[in-house]
PDB file of N, CA and C in Angstrom:
ATOM      1  N   MET A   1       8.180  -4.411   9.369  1.00  0.00           N
ATOM      2  CA  MET A   1       7.525  -3.121   9.320  1.00  0.00           C
ATOM      3  C   MET A   1       6.922  -2.942   7.928  1.00  0.00           C
ATOM      4  N   THR A   2       5.646  -2.552   7.930  1.00  0.00           N
ATOM      5  CA  THR A   2       4.912  -2.501   6.676  1.00  0.00           C
ATOM      6  C   THR A   2       4.036  -1.265   6.612  1.00  0.00           C
ATOM      7  N   VAL A   3       3.848  -0.751   5.392  1.00  0.00           N
ATOM      8  CA  VAL A   3       2.922   0.334   5.145  1.00  0.00           C
ATOM      9  C   VAL A   3       1.770  -0.231   4.323  1.00  0.00           C
ATOM     10  N   TYR A   4       0.549   0.170   4.683  1.00  0.00           N
ATOM     11  CA  TYR A   4      -0.656  -0.300   4.012  1.00  0.00           C
ATOM     12  C   TYR A   4      -1.448   0.883   3.462  1.00  0.00           C
ATOM     13  N   VAL A   5      -2.156   0.663   2.348  1.00  0.00           N
ATOM     14  CA  VAL A   5      -3.107   1.635   1.826  1.00  0.00           C
ATOM     15  C   VAL A   5      -4.449   0.937   1.687  1.00  0.00           C
ATOM     16  N   ASP A   6      -5.505   1.612   2.137  1.00  0.00           N
ATOM     17  CA  ASP A   6      -6.809   0.957   2.116  1.00  0.00           C
ATOM     18  C   ASP A   6      -7.602   1.297   0.860  1.00  0.00           C
ATOM     19  N   SER A   7      -8.763   0.676   0.747  1.00  0.00           N
ATOM     20  CA  SER A   7      -9.610   0.809  -0.440  1.00  0.00           C
ATOM     21  C   SER A   7     -10.688   1.877  -0.285  1.00  0.00           C
ATOM     22  N   MET A   8     -10.626   2.668   0.778  1.00  0.00           N
ATOM     23  CA  MET A   8     -11.627   3.714   0.973  1.00  0.00           C
ATOM     24  C   MET A   8     -11.594   4.690  -0.198  1.00  0.00           C
ATOM     25  N   ARG A   9     -12.746   5.206  -0.556  1.00  0.00           N
ATOM     26  CA  ARG A   9     -12.852   6.212  -1.617  1.00  0.00           C
ATOM     27  C   ARG A   9     -13.748   7.320  -1.092  1.00  0.00           C
ATOM     28  N   ALA A  10     -13.155   8.351  -0.467  1.00  0.00           N
ATOM     29  CA  ALA A  10     -13.913   9.464   0.111  1.00  0.00           C
ATOM     30  C   ALA A  10     -13.592  10.732  -0.664  1.00  0.00           C
ATOM     31  N   LYS A  11     -14.620  11.455  -1.046  1.00  0.00           N
ATOM     32  CA  LYS A  11     -14.419  12.701  -1.771  1.00  0.00           C
ATOM     33  C   LYS A  11     -13.901  13.785  -0.820  1.00  0.00           C
ATOM     34  N   PHE A  12     -12.937  14.541  -1.311  1.00  0.00           N
ATOM     35  CA  PHE A  12     -12.421  15.703  -0.608  1.00  0.00           C
ATOM     36  C   PHE A  12     -12.162  16.737  -1.685  1.00  0.00           C
ATOM     37  N   GLY A  13     -13.096  17.644  -1.864  1.00  0.00           N
ATOM     38  CA  GLY A  13     -13.016  18.579  -2.983  1.00  0.00           C
ATOM     39  C   GLY A  13     -13.117  17.802  -4.278  1.00  0.00           C
ATOM     40  N   ARG A  14     -12.110  17.984  -5.149  1.00  0.00           N
ATOM     41  CA  ARG A  14     -12.093  17.241  -6.411  1.00  0.00           C
ATOM     42  C   ARG A  14     -11.259  15.969  -6.326  1.00  0.00           C
ATOM     43  N   MET A  15     -10.715  15.687  -5.154  1.00  0.00           N
ATOM     44  CA  MET A  15      -9.881  14.496  -4.986  1.00  0.00           C
ATOM     45  C   MET A  15     -10.679  13.360  -4.365  1.00  0.00           C
ATOM     46  N   ILE A  16     -10.194  12.152  -4.594  1.00  0.00           N
ATOM     47  CA  ILE A  16     -10.708  10.961  -3.930  1.00  0.00           C
ATOM     48  C   ILE A  16      -9.597  10.501  -2.986  1.00  0.00           C
ATOM     49  N   MET A  17      -9.965  10.303  -1.717  1.00  0.00           N
ATOM     50  CA  MET A  17      -8.962  10.022  -0.697  1.00  0.00           C
ATOM     51  C   MET A  17      -9.091   8.605  -0.140  1.00  0.00           C
ATOM     52  N   CYS A  18      -7.987   8.119   0.398  1.00  0.00           N
ATOM     53  CA  CYS A  18      -7.966   6.854   1.122  1.00  0.00           C
ATOM     54  C   CYS A  18      -7.001   7.038   2.308  1.00  0.00           C
ATOM     55  N   HIS A  19      -6.745   5.952   3.027  1.00  0.00           N
ATOM     56  CA  HIS A  19      -5.860   6.004   4.195  1.00  0.00           C
ATOM     57  C   HIS A  19      -4.556   5.268   3.905  1.00  0.00           C
ATOM     58  N   MET A  20      -3.487   5.758   4.514  1.00  0.00           N
ATOM     59  CA  MET A  20      -2.223   5.050   4.544  1.00  0.00           C
ATOM     60  C   MET A  20      -1.864   4.848   6.010  1.00  0.00           C
ATOM     61  N   ILE A  21      -1.672   3.589   6.399  1.00  0.00           N
ATOM     62  CA  ILE A  21      -1.335   3.250   7.774  1.00  0.00           C
ATOM     63  C   ILE A  21      -0.052   2.435   7.777  1.00  0.00           C
ATOM     64  N   GLY A  22       0.559   2.307   8.933  1.00  0.00           N
ATOM     65  CA  GLY A  22       1.796   1.533   8.996  1.00  0.00           C
ATOM     66  C   GLY A  22       2.005   0.912  10.356  1.00  0.00           C
ATOM     67  N   THR A  23       2.768  -0.155  10.350  1.00  0.00           N
ATOM     68  CA  THR A  23       3.097  -0.821  11.607  1.00  0.00           C
ATOM     69  C   THR A  23       4.155  -0.042  12.378  1.00  0.00           C
ATOM     70  N   ASP A  24       4.841   0.852  11.672  1.00  0.00           N
ATOM     71  CA  ASP A  24       5.898   1.646  12.282  1.00  0.00           C
ATOM     72  C   ASP A  24       5.770   3.086  11.783  1.00  0.00           C
ATOM     73  N   GLU A  25       5.669   4.026  12.709  1.00  0.00           N
ATOM     74  CA  GLU A  25       5.483   5.432  12.321  1.00  0.00           C
ATOM     75  C   GLU A  25       6.630   5.962  11.471  1.00  0.00           C
ATOM     76  N   THR A  26       7.848   5.609  11.813  1.00  0.00           N
ATOM     77  CA  THR A  26       9.001   6.094  11.066  1.00  0.00           C
ATOM     78  C   THR A  26       8.914   5.662   9.610  1.00  0.00           C
ATOM     79  N   GLU A  27       8.583   4.395   9.388  1.00  0.00           N
ATOM     80  CA  GLU A  27       8.469   3.887   8.030  1.00  0.00           C
ATOM     81  C   GLU A  27       7.311   4.543   7.279  1.00  0.00           C
ATOM     82  N   MET A  28       6.199   4.777   7.977  1.00  0.00           N
ATOM     83  CA  MET A  28       5.051   5.417   7.356  1.00  0.00           C
ATOM     84  C   MET A  28       5.399   6.854   6.949  1.00  0.00           C
ATOM     85  N   HIS A  29       6.083   7.594   7.809  1.00  0.00           N
ATOM     86  CA  HIS A  29       6.493   8.958   7.477  1.00  0.00           C
ATOM     87  C   HIS A  29       7.479   8.964   6.302  1.00  0.00           C
ATOM     88  N   ALA A  30       8.380   7.994   6.288  1.00  0.00           N
ATOM     89  CA  ALA A  30       9.341   7.884   5.194  1.00  0.00           C
ATOM     90  C   ALA A  30       8.618   7.631   3.870  1.00  0.00           C
ATOM     91  N   MET A  31       7.598   6.781   3.896  1.00  0.00           N
ATOM     92  CA  MET A  31       6.818   6.507   2.685  1.00  0.00           C
ATOM     93  C   MET A  31       6.095   7.773   2.240  1.00  0.00           C
ATOM     94  N   ALA A  32       5.510   8.484   3.192  1.00  0.00           N
ATOM     95  CA  ALA A  32       4.803   9.723   2.850  1.00  0.00           C
ATOM     96  C   ALA A  32       5.753  10.701   2.169  1.00  0.00           C
ATOM     97  N   GLN A  33       6.922  10.852   2.709  1.00  0.00           N
ATOM     98  CA  GLN A  33       7.905  11.765   2.116  1.00  0.00           C
ATOM     99  C   GLN A  33       8.309  11.280   0.720  1.00  0.00           C
ATOM    100  N   ARG A  34       8.508   9.989   0.584  1.00  0.00           N
ATOM    101  CA  ARG A  34       8.940   9.402  -0.685  1.00  0.00           C
ATOM    102  C   ARG A  34       7.915   9.614  -1.795  1.00  0.00           C
ATOM    103  N   ILE A  35       6.630   9.531  -1.454  1.00  0.00           N
ATOM    104  CA  ILE A  35       5.593   9.658  -2.490  1.00  0.00           C
ATOM    105  C   ILE A  35       5.098  11.095  -2.651  1.00  0.00           C
ATOM    106  N   GLY A  36       5.618  12.008  -1.822  1.00  0.00           N
ATOM    107  CA  GLY A  36       5.262  13.418  -1.971  1.00  0.00           C
ATOM    108  C   GLY A  36       4.047  13.868  -1.198  1.00  0.00           C
ATOM    109  N   VAL A  37       3.715  13.164  -0.122  1.00  0.00           N
ATOM    110  CA  VAL A  37       2.582  13.558   0.726  1.00  0.00           C
ATOM    111  C   VAL A  37       3.074  14.505   1.802  1.00  0.00           C
ATOM    112  N   ARG A  38       2.430  15.633   1.912  1.00  0.00           N
ATOM    113  CA  ARG A  38       2.827  16.630   2.918  1.00  0.00           C
ATOM    114  C   ARG A  38       2.446  16.173   4.311  1.00  0.00           C
ATOM    115  N   CYS A  39       3.268  16.548   5.285  1.00  0.00           N
ATOM    116  CA  CYS A  39       3.042  16.122   6.665  1.00  0.00           C
ATOM    117  C   CYS A  39       1.719  16.631   7.235  1.00  0.00           C
ATOM    118  N   LYS A  40       1.138  17.662   6.641  1.00  0.00           N
ATOM    119  CA  LYS A  40      -0.133  18.175   7.176  1.00  0.00           C
ATOM    120  C   LYS A  40      -1.276  17.180   7.005  1.00  0.00           C
ATOM    121  N   TRP A  41      -1.102  16.171   6.157  1.00  0.00           N
ATOM    122  CA  TRP A  41      -2.138  15.156   5.974  1.00  0.00           C
ATOM    123  C   TRP A  41      -2.063  14.062   7.040  1.00  0.00           C
ATOM    124  N   TYR A  42      -1.051  14.118   7.889  1.00  0.00           N
ATOM    125  CA  TYR A  42      -0.931  13.119   8.963  1.00  0.00           C
ATOM    126  C   TYR A  42      -2.042  13.357   9.979  1.00  0.00           C
ATOM    127  N   GLN A  43      -2.730  12.297  10.328  1.00  0.00           N
ATOM    128  CA  GLN A  43      -3.890  12.385  11.210  1.00  0.00           C
ATOM    129  C   GLN A  43      -3.623  11.785  12.604  1.00  0.00           C
ATOM    130  N   GLY A  44      -2.381  11.714  13.011  1.00  0.00           N
ATOM    131  CA  GLY A  44      -2.053  11.204  14.341  1.00  0.00           C
ATOM    132  C   GLY A  44      -1.712   9.732  14.360  1.00  0.00           C
ATOM    133  N   ASP A  45      -2.287   8.945  13.442  1.00  0.00           N
ATOM    134  CA  ASP A  45      -1.951   7.520  13.347  1.00  0.00           C
ATOM    135  C   ASP A  45      -2.068   7.012  11.913  1.00  0.00           C
ATOM    136  N   HIS A  46      -2.404   7.903  10.986  1.00  0.00           N
ATOM    137  CA  HIS A  46      -2.507   7.547   9.575  1.00  0.00           C
ATOM    138  C   HIS A  46      -2.416   8.804   8.720  1.00  0.00           C
ATOM    139  N   TYR A  47      -2.238   8.600   7.450  1.00  0.00           N
ATOM    140  CA  TYR A  47      -2.291   9.703   6.475  1.00  0.00           C
ATOM    141  C   TYR A  47      -3.549   9.564   5.641  1.00  0.00           C
ATOM    142  N   ASP A  48      -4.148  10.691   5.301  1.00  0.00           N
ATOM    143  CA  ASP A  48      -5.162  10.735   4.270  1.00  0.00           C
ATOM    144  C   ASP A  48      -4.424  11.078   2.979  1.00  0.00           C
ATOM    145  N   ILE A  49      -4.538  10.217   1.979  1.00  0.00           N
ATOM    146  CA  ILE A  49      -3.823  10.444   0.724  1.00  0.00           C
ATOM    147  C   ILE A  49      -4.768  10.298  -0.461  1.00  0.00           C
ATOM    148  N   CYS A  50      -4.444  10.990  -1.544  1.00  0.00           N
ATOM    149  CA  CYS A  50      -5.264  10.881  -2.752  1.00  0.00           C
ATOM    150  C   CYS A  50      -4.877   9.609  -3.516  1.00  0.00           C
ATOM    151  N   LEU A  51      -5.716   9.250  -4.469  1.00  0.00           N
ATOM    152  CA  LEU A  51      -5.488   8.002  -5.205  1.00  0.00           C
ATOM    153  C   LEU A  51      -4.184   8.006  -6.006  1.00  0.00           C
ATOM    154  N   GLU A  52      -3.760   9.170  -6.481  1.00  0.00           N
ATOM    155  CA  GLU A  52      -2.482   9.241  -7.201  1.00  0.00           C
ATOM    156  C   GLU A  52      -1.337   8.862  -6.258  1.00  0.00           C
ATOM    157  N   MET A  53      -1.378   9.376  -5.028  1.00  0.00           N
ATOM    158  CA  MET A  53      -0.340   9.052  -4.049  1.00  0.00           C
ATOM    159  C   MET A  53      -0.446   7.598  -3.611  1.00  0.00           C
ATOM    160  N   ARG A  54      -1.672   7.083  -3.568  1.00  0.00           N
ATOM    161  CA  ARG A  54      -1.878   5.671  -3.236  1.00  0.00           C
ATOM    162  C   ARG A  54      -1.165   4.797  -4.252  1.00  0.00           C
ATOM    163  N   ALA A  55      -1.337   5.108  -5.524  1.00  0.00           N
ATOM    164  CA  ALA A  55      -0.684   4.329  -6.589  1.00  0.00           C
ATOM    165  C   ALA A  55       0.835   4.392  -6.447  1.00  0.00           C
ATOM    166  N   ARG A  56       1.357   5.562  -6.114  1.00  0.00           N
ATOM    167  CA  ARG A  56       2.814   5.686  -5.895  1.00  0.00           C
ATOM    168  C   ARG A  56       3.255   4.817  -4.723  1.00  0.00           C
ATOM    169  N   ALA A  57       2.473   4.856  -3.638  1.00  0.00           N
ATOM    170  CA  ALA A  57       2.825   4.061  -2.456  1.00  0.00           C
ATOM    171  C   ALA A  57       2.889   2.578  -2.802  1.00  0.00           C
ATOM    172  N   VAL A  58       1.919   2.116  -3.583  1.00  0.00           N
ATOM    173  CA  VAL A  58       1.911   0.710  -3.999  1.00  0.00           C
ATOM    174  C   VAL A  58       3.148   0.405  -4.844  1.00  0.00           C
ATOM    175  N   GLU A  59       3.512   1.317  -5.730  1.00  0.00           N
ATOM    176  CA  GLU A  59       4.732   1.132  -6.531  1.00  0.00           C
ATOM    177  C   GLU A  59       5.957   0.976  -5.643  1.00  0.00           C
ATOM    178  N   TYR A  60       5.972   1.684  -4.503  1.00  0.00           N
ATOM    179  CA  TYR A  60       7.112   1.632  -3.589  1.00  0.00           C
ATOM    180  C   TYR A  60       6.968   0.563  -2.501  1.00  0.00           C
ATOM    181  N   GLY A  61       5.960  -0.304  -2.633  1.00  0.00           N
ATOM    182  CA  GLY A  61       5.875  -1.454  -1.743  1.00  0.00           C
ATOM    183  C   GLY A  61       4.763  -1.462  -0.724  1.00  0.00           C
ATOM    184  N   ALA A  62       3.915  -0.454  -0.703  1.00  0.00           N
ATOM    185  CA  ALA A  62       2.778  -0.485   0.236  1.00  0.00           C
ATOM    186  C   ALA A  62       1.840  -1.639  -0.136  1.00  0.00           C
ATOM    187  N   ILE A  63       1.237  -2.221   0.864  1.00  0.00           N
ATOM    188  CA  ILE A  63       0.329  -3.349   0.671  1.00  0.00           C
ATOM    189  C   ILE A  63      -1.103  -2.831   0.601  1.00  0.00           C
ATOM    190  N   GLU A  64      -1.858  -3.289  -0.396  1.00  0.00           N
ATOM    191  CA  GLU A  64      -3.256  -2.890  -0.529  1.00  0.00           C
ATOM    192  C   GLU A  64      -4.126  -3.735   0.382  1.00  0.00           C
ATOM    193  N   ILE A  65      -4.994  -3.054   1.157  1.00  0.00           N
ATOM    194  CA  ILE A  65      -5.927  -3.741   2.045  1.00  0.00           C
ATOM    195  C   ILE A  65      -7.306  -3.098   1.881  1.00  0.00           C
ATOM    196  N   THR A  66      -8.315  -3.748   2.456  1.00  0.00           N
ATOM    197  CA  THR A  66      -9.659  -3.199   2.388  1.00  0.00           C
ATOM    198  C   THR A  66      -9.837  -2.123   3.452  1.00  0.00           C
ATOM    199  N   TRP A  67     -10.849  -1.324   3.259  1.00  0.00           N
ATOM    200  CA  TRP A  67     -11.189  -0.297   4.236  1.00  0.00           C
ATOM    201  C   TRP A  67     -11.553  -0.955   5.576  1.00  0.00           C
ATOM    202  N   ARG A  68     -12.288  -2.056   5.509  1.00  0.00           N
ATOM    203  CA  ARG A  68     -12.674  -2.779   6.728  1.00  0.00           C
ATOM    204  C   ARG A  68     -11.450  -3.313   7.463  1.00  0.00           C
ATOM    205  N   GLN A  69     -10.508  -3.878   6.739  1.00  0.00           N
ATOM    206  CA  GLN A  69      -9.276  -4.365   7.370  1.00  0.00           C
ATOM    207  C   GLN A  69      -8.537  -3.231   8.058  1.00  0.00           C
ATOM    208  N   ALA A  70      -8.449  -2.088   7.406  1.00  0.00           N
ATOM    209  CA  ALA A  70      -7.762  -0.938   7.997  1.00  0.00           C
ATOM    210  C   ALA A  70      -8.446  -0.518   9.291  1.00  0.00           C
ATOM    211  N   GLY A  71      -9.764  -0.467   9.288  1.00  0.00           N
ATOM    212  CA  GLY A  71     -10.510  -0.088  10.492  1.00  0.00           C
ATOM    213  C   GLY A  71     -10.291  -1.079  11.627  1.00  0.00           C
ATOM    214  N   CYS A  72     -10.307  -2.365  11.291  1.00  0.00           N
ATOM    215  CA  CYS A  72     -10.100  -3.400  12.305  1.00  0.00           C
ATOM    216  C   CYS A  72      -8.672  -3.373  12.843  1.00  0.00           C
ATOM    217  N   MET A  73      -7.699  -3.133  11.959  1.00  0.00           N
ATOM    218  CA  MET A  73      -6.305  -3.038  12.398  1.00  0.00           C
ATOM    219  C   MET A  73      -6.099  -1.823  13.303  1.00  0.00           C
ATOM    220  N   HIS A  74      -6.767  -0.742  12.967  1.00  0.00           N
ATOM    221  CA  HIS A  74      -6.699   0.470  13.806  1.00  0.00           C
ATOM    222  C   HIS A  74      -7.280   0.183  15.194  1.00  0.00           C
ATOM    223  N   MET A  75      -8.427  -0.484  15.236  1.00  0.00           N
ATOM    224  CA  MET A  75      -9.048  -0.822  16.513  1.00  0.00           C
ATOM    225  C   MET A  75      -8.137  -1.722  17.350  1.00  0.00           C
ATOM    226  N   ARG A  76      -7.557  -2.718  16.710  1.00  0.00           N
ATOM    227  CA  ARG A  76      -6.663  -3.629  17.425  1.00  0.00           C
ATOM    228  C   ARG A  76      -5.458  -2.900  17.988  1.00  0.00           C
ATOM    229  N   ARG A  77      -4.882  -1.990  17.204  1.00  0.00           N
ATOM    230  CA  ARG A  77      -3.730  -1.227  17.702  1.00  0.00           C
ATOM    231  C   ARG A  77      -4.121  -0.346  18.879  1.00  0.00           C
ATOM    232  N   ARG A  78      -5.305   0.253  18.802  1.00  0.00           N
ATOM    233  CA  ARG A  78      -5.775   1.109  19.897  1.00  0.00           C
ATOM    234  C   ARG A  78      -5.946   0.297  21.186  1.00  0.00           C
ATOM    235  N   ILE A  79      -6.368  -0.951  21.073  1.00  0.00           N
ATOM    236  CA  ILE A  79      -6.631  -1.789  22.241  1.00  0.00           C
ATOM    237  C   ILE A  79      -5.377  -2.500  22.737  1.00  0.00           C
ATOM    238  N   THR A  80      -4.560  -3.037  21.812  1.00  0.00           N
ATOM    239  CA  THR A  80      -3.434  -3.876  22.221  1.00  0.00           C
ATOM    240  C   THR A  80      -2.067  -3.229  22.012  1.00  0.00           C
ATOM    241  N   GLY A  81      -2.031  -2.169  21.193  1.00  0.00           N
ATOM    242  CA  GLY A  81      -0.747  -1.560  20.865  1.00  0.00           C
ATOM    243  C   GLY A  81      -0.108  -2.122  19.611  1.00  0.00           C
ATOM    244  N   LYS A  82      -0.691  -3.193  19.037  1.00  0.00           N
ATOM    245  CA  LYS A  82      -0.161  -3.798  17.817  1.00  0.00           C
ATOM    246  C   LYS A  82      -1.284  -3.952  16.801  1.00  0.00           C
ATOM    247  N   MET A  83      -0.963  -3.749  15.517  1.00  0.00           N
ATOM    248  CA  MET A  83      -1.965  -3.800  14.465  1.00  0.00           C
ATOM    249  C   MET A  83      -2.336  -5.220  14.051  1.00  0.00           C
ATOM    250  N   GLY A  84      -1.402  -6.132  14.110  1.00  0.00           N
ATOM    251  CA  GLY A  84      -1.638  -7.455  13.581  1.00  0.00           C
ATOM    252  C   GLY A  84      -1.620  -7.444  12.058  1.00  0.00           C
ATOM    253  N   LEU A  85      -2.016  -8.552  11.471  1.00  0.00           N
ATOM    254  CA  LEU A  85      -2.007  -8.690  10.016  1.00  0.00           C
ATOM    255  C   LEU A  85      -3.385  -8.444   9.423  1.00  0.00           C
ATOM    256  N   PRO A  86      -3.439  -7.948   8.197  1.00  0.00           N
ATOM    257  CA  PRO A  86      -4.734  -7.692   7.565  1.00  0.00           C
ATOM    258  C   PRO A  86      -5.622  -8.929   7.500  1.00  0.00           C
ATOM    259  N   ARG A  87      -5.023 -10.086   7.199  1.00  0.00           N
ATOM    260  CA  ARG A  87      -5.821 -11.306   7.061  1.00  0.00           C
ATOM    261  C   ARG A  87      -6.488 -11.733   8.367  1.00  0.00           C
ATOM    262  N   ASP A  88      -5.968 -11.288   9.507  1.00  0.00           N
ATOM    263  CA  ASP A  88      -6.516 -11.649  10.817  1.00  0.00           C
ATOM    264  C   ASP A  88      -7.396 -10.556  11.420  1.00  0.00           C
ATOM    265  N   ALA A  89      -7.424  -9.385  10.796  1.00  0.00           N
ATOM    266  CA  ALA A  89      -8.017  -8.200  11.413  1.00  0.00           C
ATOM    267  C   ALA A  89      -9.494  -8.360  11.766  1.00  0.00           C
ATOM    268  N   GLU A  90     -10.314  -8.739  10.801  1.00  0.00           N
ATOM    269  CA  GLU A  90     -11.754  -8.834  11.059  1.00  0.00           C
ATOM    270  C   GLU A  90     -12.075  -9.928  12.061  1.00  0.00           C
ATOM    271  N   ARG A  91     -11.388 -11.063  11.965  1.00  0.00           N
ATOM    272  CA  ARG A  91     -11.614 -12.158  12.905  1.00  0.00           C
ATOM    273  C   ARG A  91     -11.244 -11.732  14.318  1.00  0.00           C
ATOM    274  N   TRP A  92     -10.132 -10.974  14.473  1.00  0.00           N
ATOM    275  CA  TRP A  92      -9.720 -10.522  15.788  1.00  0.00           C
ATOM    276  C   TRP A  92     -10.790  -9.628  16.400  1.00  0.00           C
ATOM    277  N   VAL A  93     -11.335  -8.703  15.611  1.00  0.00           N
ATOM    278  CA  VAL A  93     -12.364  -7.793  16.121  1.00  0.00           C
ATOM    279  C   VAL A  93     -13.612  -8.563  16.538  1.00  0.00           C
ATOM    280  N   LYS A  94     -14.041  -9.512  15.716  1.00  0.00           N
ATOM    281  CA  LYS A  94     -15.222 -10.325  16.073  1.00  0.00           C
ATOM    282  C   LYS A  94     -14.979 -11.073  17.376  1.00  0.00           C
ATOM    283  N   GLN A  95     -13.801 -11.658  17.540  1.00  0.00           N
ATOM    284  CA  GLN A  95     -13.478 -12.380  18.773  1.00  0.00           C
ATOM    285  C   GLN A  95     -13.412 -11.438  19.961  1.00  0.00           C
ATOM    286  N   HIS A  96     -12.854 -10.265  19.758  1.00  0.00           N
ATOM    287  CA  HIS A  96     -12.768  -9.274  20.839  1.00  0.00           C
ATOM    288  C   HIS A  96     -14.170  -8.863  21.292  1.00  0.00           C
ATOM    289  N   ILE A  97     -15.042  -8.601  20.361  1.00  0.00           N
ATOM    290  CA  ILE A  97     -16.412  -8.208  20.693  1.00  0.00           C
ATOM    291  C   ILE A  97     -17.128  -9.352  21.408  1.00  0.00           C
ATOM    292  N   ALA A  98     -16.940 -10.581  20.937  1.00  0.00           N
ATOM    293  CA  ALA A  98     -17.561 -11.739  21.590  1.00  0.00           C
ATOM    294  C   ALA A  98     -17.059 -11.895  23.027  1.00  0.00           C
ATOM    295  N   ARG A  99     -15.763 -11.705  23.244  1.00  0.00           N
ATOM    296  CA  ARG A  99     -15.201 -11.799  24.601  1.00  0.00           C
ATOM    297  C   ARG A  99     -15.800 -10.718  25.515  1.00  0.00           C
ATOM    298  N   ARG A 100     -15.905  -9.513  24.992  1.00  0.00           N
ATOM    299  CA  ARG A 100     -16.463  -8.416  25.788  1.00  0.00           C
ATOM    300  C   ARG A 100     -17.936  -8.684  26.140  1.00  0.00           C
ATOM    301  N   ARG A 101     -18.681  -9.202  25.181  1.00  0.00           N
ATOM    302  CA  ARG A 101     -20.095  -9.522  25.452  1.00  0.00           C
ATOM    303  C   ARG A 101     -20.227 -10.621  26.485  1.00  0.00           C
ATOM    304  N   ALA A 102     -19.330 -11.590  26.433  1.00  0.00           N
ATOM    305  CA  ALA A 102     -19.369 -12.696  27.397  1.00  0.00           C
ATOM    306  C   ALA A 102     -19.100 -12.168  28.811  1.00  0.00           C
ATOM    307  N   VAL A 103     -18.188 -11.232  28.937  1.00  0.00           N
ATOM    308  CA  VAL A 103     -17.859 -10.660  30.240  1.00  0.00           C
ATOM    309  C   VAL A 103     -19.017  -9.831  30.768  1.00  0.00           C
ATOM    310  N   VAL A 104     -19.628  -9.054  29.884  1.00  0.00           N
ATOM    311  CA  VAL A 104     -20.731  -8.195  30.285  1.00  0.00           C
ATOM    312  C   VAL A 104     -22.016  -8.995  30.492  1.00  0.00           C
ATOM    313  N   GLY A 105     -22.105 -10.140  29.824  1.00  0.00           N
ATOM    314  CA  GLY A 105     -23.276 -10.998  29.986  1.00  0.00           C
ATOM    315  C   GLY A 105     -24.392 -10.680  29.004  1.00  0.00           C
ATOM    316  N   ARG A 106     -24.046 -10.175  27.861  1.00  0.00           N
ATOM    317  CA  ARG A 106     -25.054  -9.869  26.840  1.00  0.00           C
ATOM    318  C   ARG A 106     -25.307 -11.040  25.955  1.00  0.00           C
TER     319      ARG A 106
END
């Protein structure tokens, strides 16, 4: 079970935000509580966190990933129920799209 923080940098007021995702919801919620992130930032499958909280999460063991990896892992979980590993995320999405195109005949 792992918690990840992505490299997204989105402005929200005066803060810069990124995503925190996890392979296990319980562990992700525990990390959020540990770093001081309020539950209202939970978005149903991830947290939006500021860069200060991101740094704390990394100190407590969260793995840094790219924004693209996070998006691909989210897509994979939505389709298969499992996130997979960051290093496989983009390749899995490309293969999934290729398989779908082959079935549709595009």
